[in-house]
Amino acid sequence: MLRECMKVAANACALSAALDGLDDWTIQQARPEWVVPQVAAPPAGSSQGSSTAGLAAAAAAAGKLERARRRKAAIASGALTNTVQAALRALQDASERDVLRSLTGRIEQLLQGSRKGDWQPLEQLPPSQSGWVDALLSYLQETFDAGLKLLPRSSVVHLMRLALRATAAAAMRAFGPDGVKGFNLYAVEKLAVNVATIERFAGRWGVASLADELAEPNQLCKLLLSSKVSRALPCPQFGKSISSLKACYTTQTGIAIHLA
């Protein structure tokens, strides 16, 4: 579905770029019709049928000439090109919206798995990224590669930024009302490892400040792991956790994280 929508968007963009060439071709095709063929007068003694045929041919030639003139005038005024350009642009925009809708939906699906993990571990977790991060990066790699092959550069950059923004927002929802019921510092440390892994992935694509889209979960992890805040949180080694934080941090996505 996502790749097919990319192809539709790419085709619309290519046709839009080719319109000037198509206009030139149309004018070239119309040129032979700009001169009305001269219909010779019927010879003396010819039948009425021949005369009627000659008049019909002249009328047909005049009609073709008028159509050619109208085509040329429409092209010259830009009306035809503008109409087609608008239709192709609308098709490209609609297809790209479908791409982004499919992309963000899949990202949300993948990050839902992260919320089902253990957010109250009794000991420090391995320093490697979680399985959901592997699945996410595999999906993003495939999607970005397809985008680079099929979409205009500006559309690909927009897609990449929105994908990382959706990832950040989905990660922050773990701390929202419908997120995890409780967490401790070991879980936050693991999240910090996962966010850093995604940041490194974002840095490989040569898009300026792409990793900045992950600033919010990155800053939240740093805040929760800072010495001042960590002293206020329950000590993980005793298996304690918190089900909510009471007064401290509001995210750009509108999720309030509060500290007791």
Foldseek 3Di string as FASTA:
>chain_A
DLLVLLQQLLVLVVVLVCVVVVLVVLLVVLVVLLDQDDQDDDDPPDDVVVVVVSVVSSVVSVVSNVVSVVSNVCVVVCVVSVVSNVVSVVSNVVSLVVNLVVLLVVLLVLLVVVQPDDQQDLDADDLAADPSLVVLLVVVVVSLVSCVVRHDPVSSLVSLLSNLLSNLVSVVCLQAPPHHQKHALSNLSNVLSSLVVVLVSQVVPPDPCSSVSNVQSNVVSCVCPPPVNNVQADDSNVSDIDRAAAQDDATPVGGDGHHD
